Amino acid sequence: INLFAPLSLSLVYSRPVNVGMDGFA
């Protein structure tokens, strides 16, 4: 997503609180 639509670039990224197969996974 960031490669084709770099709209939410950040210096750091939060680790997901809940691990598991969500939509992004």
PDB file of all heavy atoms in Angstrom:
ATOM      1  N   ILE A   1       0.839  -1.204   0.000  1.00  0.00           N
ATOM      2  CA  ILE A   1       0.000   0.000   0.000  1.00  0.00           C
ATOM      3  C   ILE A   1       0.872   1.250   0.000  1.00  0.00           C
ATOM      4  O   ILE A   1       0.634   2.196  -0.769  1.00  0.00           O
ATOM      5  CB  ILE A   1      -0.946   0.005   1.221  1.00  0.00           C
ATOM      6  CG1 ILE A   1      -1.999  -1.109   1.092  1.00  0.00           C
ATOM      7  CG2 ILE A   1      -1.639   1.363   1.364  1.00  0.00           C
ATOM      8  CD1 ILE A   1      -2.858  -1.276   2.320  1.00  0.00           C
ATOM      9  N   ASN A   2       1.894   1.268   0.854  1.00  0.00           N
ATOM     10  CA  ASN A   2       2.780   2.429   0.928  1.00  0.00           C
ATOM     11  C   ASN A   2       3.577   2.622  -0.362  1.00  0.00           C
ATOM     12  O   ASN A   2       3.953   3.749  -0.707  1.00  0.00           O
ATOM     13  CB  ASN A   2       3.746   2.291   2.099  1.00  0.00           C
ATOM     14  CG  ASN A   2       3.075   2.518   3.438  1.00  0.00           C
ATOM     15  OD1 ASN A   2       1.967   3.045   3.500  1.00  0.00           O
ATOM     16  ND2 ASN A   2       3.728   2.124   4.507  1.00  0.00           N
ATOM     17  N   LEU A   3       3.822   1.525  -1.072  1.00  0.00           N
ATOM     18  CA  LEU A   3       4.581   1.611  -2.312  1.00  0.00           C
ATOM     19  C   LEU A   3       3.761   2.277  -3.414  1.00  0.00           C
ATOM     20  O   LEU A   3       4.259   3.138  -4.142  1.00  0.00           O
ATOM     21  CB  LEU A   3       5.004   0.203  -2.748  1.00  0.00           C
ATOM     22  CG  LEU A   3       6.099   0.092  -3.818  1.00  0.00           C
ATOM     23  CD1 LEU A   3       7.400   0.706  -3.313  1.00  0.00           C
ATOM     24  CD2 LEU A   3       6.312  -1.361  -4.203  1.00  0.00           C
ATOM     25  N   PHE A   4       2.496   1.882  -3.518  1.00  0.00           N
ATOM     26  CA  PHE A   4       1.648   2.395  -4.593  1.00  0.00           C
ATOM     27  C   PHE A   4       0.829   3.622  -4.160  1.00  0.00           C
ATOM     28  O   PHE A   4       0.420   4.414  -5.013  1.00  0.00           O
ATOM     29  CB  PHE A   4       0.703   1.301  -5.089  1.00  0.00           C
ATOM     30  CG  PHE A   4       1.394   0.222  -5.878  1.00  0.00           C
ATOM     31  CD1 PHE A   4       1.931  -0.886  -5.256  1.00  0.00           C
ATOM     32  CD2 PHE A   4       1.532   0.335  -7.250  1.00  0.00           C
ATOM     33  CE1 PHE A   4       2.571  -1.875  -5.983  1.00  0.00           C
ATOM     34  CE2 PHE A   4       2.169  -0.641  -7.988  1.00  0.00           C
ATOM     35  CZ  PHE A   4       2.701  -1.752  -7.351  1.00  0.00           C
ATOM     36  N   ALA A   5       0.567   3.747  -2.869  1.00  0.00           N
ATOM     37  CA  ALA A   5      -0.211   4.885  -2.363  1.00  0.00           C
ATOM     38  C   ALA A   5       0.394   5.360  -1.048  1.00  0.00           C
ATOM     39  O   ALA A   5      -0.133   5.074   0.032  1.00  0.00           O
ATOM     40  CB  ALA A   5      -1.672   4.485  -2.174  1.00  0.00           C
ATOM     41  N   PRO A   6       1.529   6.069  -1.108  1.00  0.00           N
ATOM     42  CA  PRO A   6       2.251   6.476   0.115  1.00  0.00           C
ATOM     43  C   PRO A   6       1.570   7.632   0.836  1.00  0.00           C
ATOM     44  O   PRO A   6       2.089   8.751   0.887  1.00  0.00           O
ATOM     45  CB  PRO A   6       3.627   6.874  -0.426  1.00  0.00           C
ATOM     46  CG  PRO A   6       3.357   7.332  -1.829  1.00  0.00           C
ATOM     47  CD  PRO A   6       2.233   6.478  -2.336  1.00  0.00           C
ATOM     48  N   LEU A   7       0.422   7.353   1.440  1.00  0.00           N
ATOM     49  CA  LEU A   7      -0.353   8.394   2.112  1.00  0.00           C
ATOM     50  C   LEU A   7      -0.176   8.370   3.629  1.00  0.00           C
ATOM     51  O   LEU A   7      -0.549   9.330   4.302  1.00  0.00           O
ATOM     52  CB  LEU A   7      -1.841   8.237   1.771  1.00  0.00           C
ATOM     53  CG  LEU A   7      -2.194   8.321   0.277  1.00  0.00           C
ATOM     54  CD1 LEU A   7      -3.673   7.996   0.074  1.00  0.00           C
ATOM     55  CD2 LEU A   7      -1.867   9.701  -0.273  1.00  0.00           C
ATOM     56  N   SER A   8       0.338   7.272   4.172  1.00  0.00           N
ATOM     57  CA  SER A   8       0.446   7.156   5.638  1.00  0.00           C
ATOM     58  C   SER A   8       1.854   6.767   6.060  1.00  0.00           C
ATOM     59  O   SER A   8       2.032   5.928   6.936  1.00  0.00           O
ATOM     60  CB  SER A   8      -0.567   6.136   6.156  1.00  0.00           C
ATOM     61  OG  SER A   8      -0.351   4.870   5.548  1.00  0.00           O
ATOM     62  N   LEU A   9       2.855   7.359   5.415  1.00  0.00           N
ATOM     63  CA  LEU A   9       4.243   7.076   5.780  1.00  0.00           C
ATOM     64  C   LEU A   9       4.531   7.601   7.179  1.00  0.00           C
ATOM     65  O   LEU A   9       3.989   8.617   7.606  1.00  0.00           O
ATOM     66  CB  LEU A   9       5.199   7.719   4.775  1.00  0.00           C
ATOM     67  CG  LEU A   9       5.088   7.241   3.327  1.00  0.00           C
ATOM     68  CD1 LEU A   9       6.063   8.016   2.450  1.00  0.00           C
ATOM     69  CD2 LEU A   9       5.357   5.745   3.224  1.00  0.00           C
ATOM     70  N   SER A  10       5.400   6.892   7.897  1.00  0.00           N
ATOM     71  CA  SER A  10       5.729   7.277   9.269  1.00  0.00           C
ATOM     72  C   SER A  10       7.168   6.891   9.570  1.00  0.00           C
ATOM     73  O   SER A  10       7.712   5.951   8.982  1.00  0.00           O
ATOM     74  CB  SER A  10       4.779   6.586  10.250  1.00  0.00           C
ATOM     75  OG  SER A  10       5.133   6.888  11.589  1.00  0.00           O
ATOM     76  N   LEU A  11       7.774   7.634  10.489  1.00  0.00           N
ATOM     77  CA  LEU A  11       9.132   7.304  10.904  1.00  0.00           C
ATOM     78  C   LEU A  11       9.172   5.967  11.623  1.00  0.00           C
ATOM     79  O   LEU A  11      10.118   5.188  11.473  1.00  0.00           O
ATOM     80  CB  LEU A  11       9.680   8.408  11.815  1.00  0.00           C
ATOM     81  CG  LEU A  11      11.123   8.250  12.281  1.00  0.00           C
ATOM     82  CD1 LEU A  11      12.084   8.315  11.098  1.00  0.00           C
ATOM     83  CD2 LEU A  11      11.475   9.328  13.298  1.00  0.00           C
ATOM     84  N   VAL A  12       8.138   5.677  12.405  1.00  0.00           N
ATOM     85  CA  VAL A  12       8.025   4.406  13.122  1.00  0.00           C
ATOM     86  C   VAL A  12       6.601   3.867  12.939  1.00  0.00           C
ATOM     87  O   VAL A  12       5.675   4.618  12.633  1.00  0.00           O
ATOM     88  CB  VAL A  12       8.341   4.551  14.630  1.00  0.00           C
ATOM     89  CG1 VAL A  12       9.796   4.889  14.842  1.00  0.00           C
ATOM     90  CG2 VAL A  12       7.440   5.602  15.266  1.00  0.00           C
ATOM     91  N   TYR A  13       6.452   2.561  13.136  1.00  0.00           N
ATOM     92  CA  TYR A  13       5.153   1.908  13.024  1.00  0.00           C
ATOM     93  C   TYR A  13       4.877   1.101  14.285  1.00  0.00           C
ATOM     94  O   TYR A  13       5.782   0.451  14.828  1.00  0.00           O
ATOM     95  CB  TYR A  13       5.115   0.979  11.808  1.00  0.00           C
ATOM     96  CG  TYR A  13       5.153   1.715  10.492  1.00  0.00           C
ATOM     97  CD1 TYR A  13       6.368   2.054   9.899  1.00  0.00           C
ATOM     98  CD2 TYR A  13       3.984   2.087   9.838  1.00  0.00           C
ATOM     99  CE1 TYR A  13       6.413   2.737   8.696  1.00  0.00           C
ATOM    100  CE2 TYR A  13       4.018   2.774   8.629  1.00  0.00           C
ATOM    101  CZ  TYR A  13       5.241   3.091   8.057  1.00  0.00           C
ATOM    102  OH  TYR A  13       5.280   3.769   6.870  1.00  0.00           O
ATOM    103  N   SER A  14       3.640   1.133  14.743  1.00  0.00           N
ATOM    104  CA  SER A  14       3.262   0.392  15.952  1.00  0.00           C
ATOM    105  C   SER A  14       3.149  -1.096  15.645  1.00  0.00           C
ATOM    106  O   SER A  14       2.655  -1.485  14.587  1.00  0.00           O
ATOM    107  CB  SER A  14       1.914   0.887  16.490  1.00  0.00           C
ATOM    108  OG  SER A  14       1.982   2.237  16.870  1.00  0.00           O
ATOM    109  N   ARG A  15       3.612  -1.909  16.575  1.00  0.00           N
ATOM    110  CA  ARG A  15       3.390  -3.352  16.463  1.00  0.00           C
ATOM    111  C   ARG A  15       1.934  -3.628  16.803  1.00  0.00           C
ATOM    112  O   ARG A  15       1.419  -3.095  17.778  1.00  0.00           O
ATOM    113  CB  ARG A  15       4.309  -4.122  17.421  1.00  0.00           C
ATOM    114  CG  ARG A  15       4.038  -5.621  17.476  1.00  0.00           C
ATOM    115  CD  ARG A  15       5.050  -6.328  18.349  1.00  0.00           C
ATOM    116  NE  ARG A  15       6.327  -6.427  17.679  1.00  0.00           N
ATOM    117  CZ  ARG A  15       6.646  -7.395  16.826  1.00  0.00           C
ATOM    118  NH1 ARG A  15       5.753  -8.339  16.543  1.00  0.00           N
ATOM    119  NH2 ARG A  15       7.831  -7.440  16.256  1.00  0.00           N
ATOM    120  N   PRO A  16       1.240  -4.470  16.031  1.00  0.00           N
ATOM    121  CA  PRO A  16      -0.163  -4.778  16.325  1.00  0.00           C
ATOM    122  C   PRO A  16      -0.338  -5.319  17.735  1.00  0.00           C
ATOM    123  O   PRO A  16       0.453  -6.134  18.201  1.00  0.00           O
ATOM    124  CB  PRO A  16      -0.509  -5.846  15.285  1.00  0.00           C
ATOM    125  CG  PRO A  16       0.467  -5.623  14.173  1.00  0.00           C
ATOM    126  CD  PRO A  16       1.724  -5.152  14.839  1.00  0.00           C
ATOM    127  N   VAL A  17      -1.370  -4.841  18.433  1.00  0.00           N
ATOM    128  CA  VAL A  17      -1.635  -5.304  19.803  1.00  0.00           C
ATOM    129  C   VAL A  17      -2.158  -6.735  19.774  1.00  0.00           C
ATOM    130  O   VAL A  17      -1.735  -7.594  20.540  1.00  0.00           O
ATOM    131  CB  VAL A  17      -2.657  -4.370  20.495  1.00  0.00           C
ATOM    132  CG1 VAL A  17      -2.978  -4.886  21.891  1.00  0.00           C
ATOM    133  CG2 VAL A  17      -2.120  -2.952  20.562  1.00  0.00           C
ATOM    134  N   ASN A  18      -3.100  -7.014  18.875  1.00  0.00           N
ATOM    135  CA  ASN A  18      -3.673  -8.347  18.752  1.00  0.00           C
ATOM    136  C   ASN A  18      -3.071  -9.049  17.537  1.00  0.00           C
ATOM    137  O   ASN A  18      -3.233  -8.606  16.408  1.00  0.00           O
ATOM    138  CB  ASN A  18      -5.193  -8.262  18.592  1.00  0.00           C
ATOM    139  CG  ASN A  18      -5.860  -7.617  19.794  1.00  0.00           C
ATOM    140  OD1 ASN A  18      -5.501  -7.903  20.929  1.00  0.00           O
ATOM    141  ND2 ASN A  18      -6.810  -6.728  19.547  1.00  0.00           N
ATOM    142  N   VAL A  19      -2.356 -10.145  17.785  1.00  0.00           N
ATOM    143  CA  VAL A  19      -1.783 -10.902  16.682  1.00  0.00           C
ATOM    144  C   VAL A  19      -2.809 -11.909  16.190  1.00  0.00           C
ATOM    145  O   VAL A  19      -3.704 -12.322  16.916  1.00  0.00           O
ATOM    146  CB  VAL A  19      -0.487 -11.616  17.114  1.00  0.00           C
ATOM    147  CG1 VAL A  19       0.588 -10.604  17.442  1.00  0.00           C
ATOM    148  CG2 VAL A  19      -0.732 -12.520  18.316  1.00  0.00           C
ATOM    149  N   GLY A  20      -2.675 -12.332  14.956  1.00  0.00           N
ATOM    150  CA  GLY A  20      -3.631 -13.257  14.361  1.00  0.00           C
ATOM    151  C   GLY A  20      -3.928 -12.845  12.933  1.00  0.00           C
ATOM    152  O   GLY A  20      -3.443 -11.825  12.437  1.00  0.00           O
ATOM    153  N   MET A  21      -4.748 -13.637  12.268  1.00  0.00           N
ATOM    154  CA  MET A  21      -5.077 -13.393  10.870  1.00  0.00           C
ATOM    155  C   MET A  21      -6.204 -12.376  10.758  1.00  0.00           C
ATOM    156  O   MET A  21      -7.388 -12.728  10.722  1.00  0.00           O
ATOM    157  CB  MET A  21      -5.452 -14.705  10.180  1.00  0.00           C
ATOM    158  CG  MET A  21      -4.292 -15.669   9.999  1.00  0.00           C
ATOM    159  SD  MET A  21      -2.990 -15.013   8.910  1.00  0.00           S
ATOM    160  CE  MET A  21      -3.815 -15.058   7.323  1.00  0.00           C
ATOM    161  N   ASP A  22      -5.829 -11.092  10.715  1.00  0.00           N
ATOM    162  CA  ASP A  22      -6.823 -10.055  10.475  1.00  0.00           C
ATOM    163  C   ASP A  22      -6.909  -9.778   8.972  1.00  0.00           C
ATOM    164  O   ASP A  22      -6.343 -10.508   8.154  1.00  0.00           O
ATOM    165  CB  ASP A  22      -6.474  -8.789  11.257  1.00  0.00           C
ATOM    166  CG  ASP A  22      -5.105  -8.227  10.883  1.00  0.00           C
ATOM    167  OD1 ASP A  22      -4.449  -8.784   9.969  1.00  0.00           O
ATOM    168  OD2 ASP A  22      -4.698  -7.226  11.488  1.00  0.00           O
ATOM    169  N   GLY A  23      -7.621  -8.732   8.593  1.00  0.00           N
ATOM    170  CA  GLY A  23      -7.793  -8.420   7.186  1.00  0.00           C
ATOM    171  C   GLY A  23      -6.484  -8.147   6.467  1.00  0.00           C
ATOM    172  O   GLY A  23      -6.279  -8.595   5.329  1.00  0.00           O
ATOM    173  N   PHE A  24      -5.579  -7.415   7.129  1.00  0.00           N
ATOM    174  CA  PHE A  24      -4.288  -7.115   6.521  1.00  0.00           C
ATOM    175  C   PHE A  24      -3.471  -8.387   6.304  1.00  0.00           C
ATOM    176  O   PHE A  24      -2.784  -8.526   5.291  1.00  0.00           O
ATOM    177  CB  PHE A  24      -3.506  -6.131   7.398  1.00  0.00           C
ATOM    178  CG  PHE A  24      -3.961  -4.706   7.275  1.00  0.00           C
ATOM    179  CD1 PHE A  24      -4.709  -4.111   8.272  1.00  0.00           C
ATOM    180  CD2 PHE A  24      -3.638  -3.960   6.147  1.00  0.00           C
ATOM    181  CE1 PHE A  24      -5.135  -2.793   8.160  1.00  0.00           C
ATOM    182  CE2 PHE A  24      -4.054  -2.635   6.025  1.00  0.00           C
ATOM    183  CZ  PHE A  24      -4.808  -2.058   7.030  1.00  0.00           C
ATOM    184  N   ALA A  25      -3.535  -9.312   7.277  1.00  0.00           N
ATOM    185  CA  ALA A  25      -2.779 -10.555   7.154  1.00  0.00           C
ATOM    186  C   ALA A  25      -3.302 -11.418   6.009  1.00  0.00           C
ATOM    187  O   ALA A  25      -2.533 -11.993   5.242  1.00  0.00           O
ATOM    188  CB  ALA A  25      -2.830 -11.329   8.471  1.00  0.00           C
TER     189      ALA A  25
END
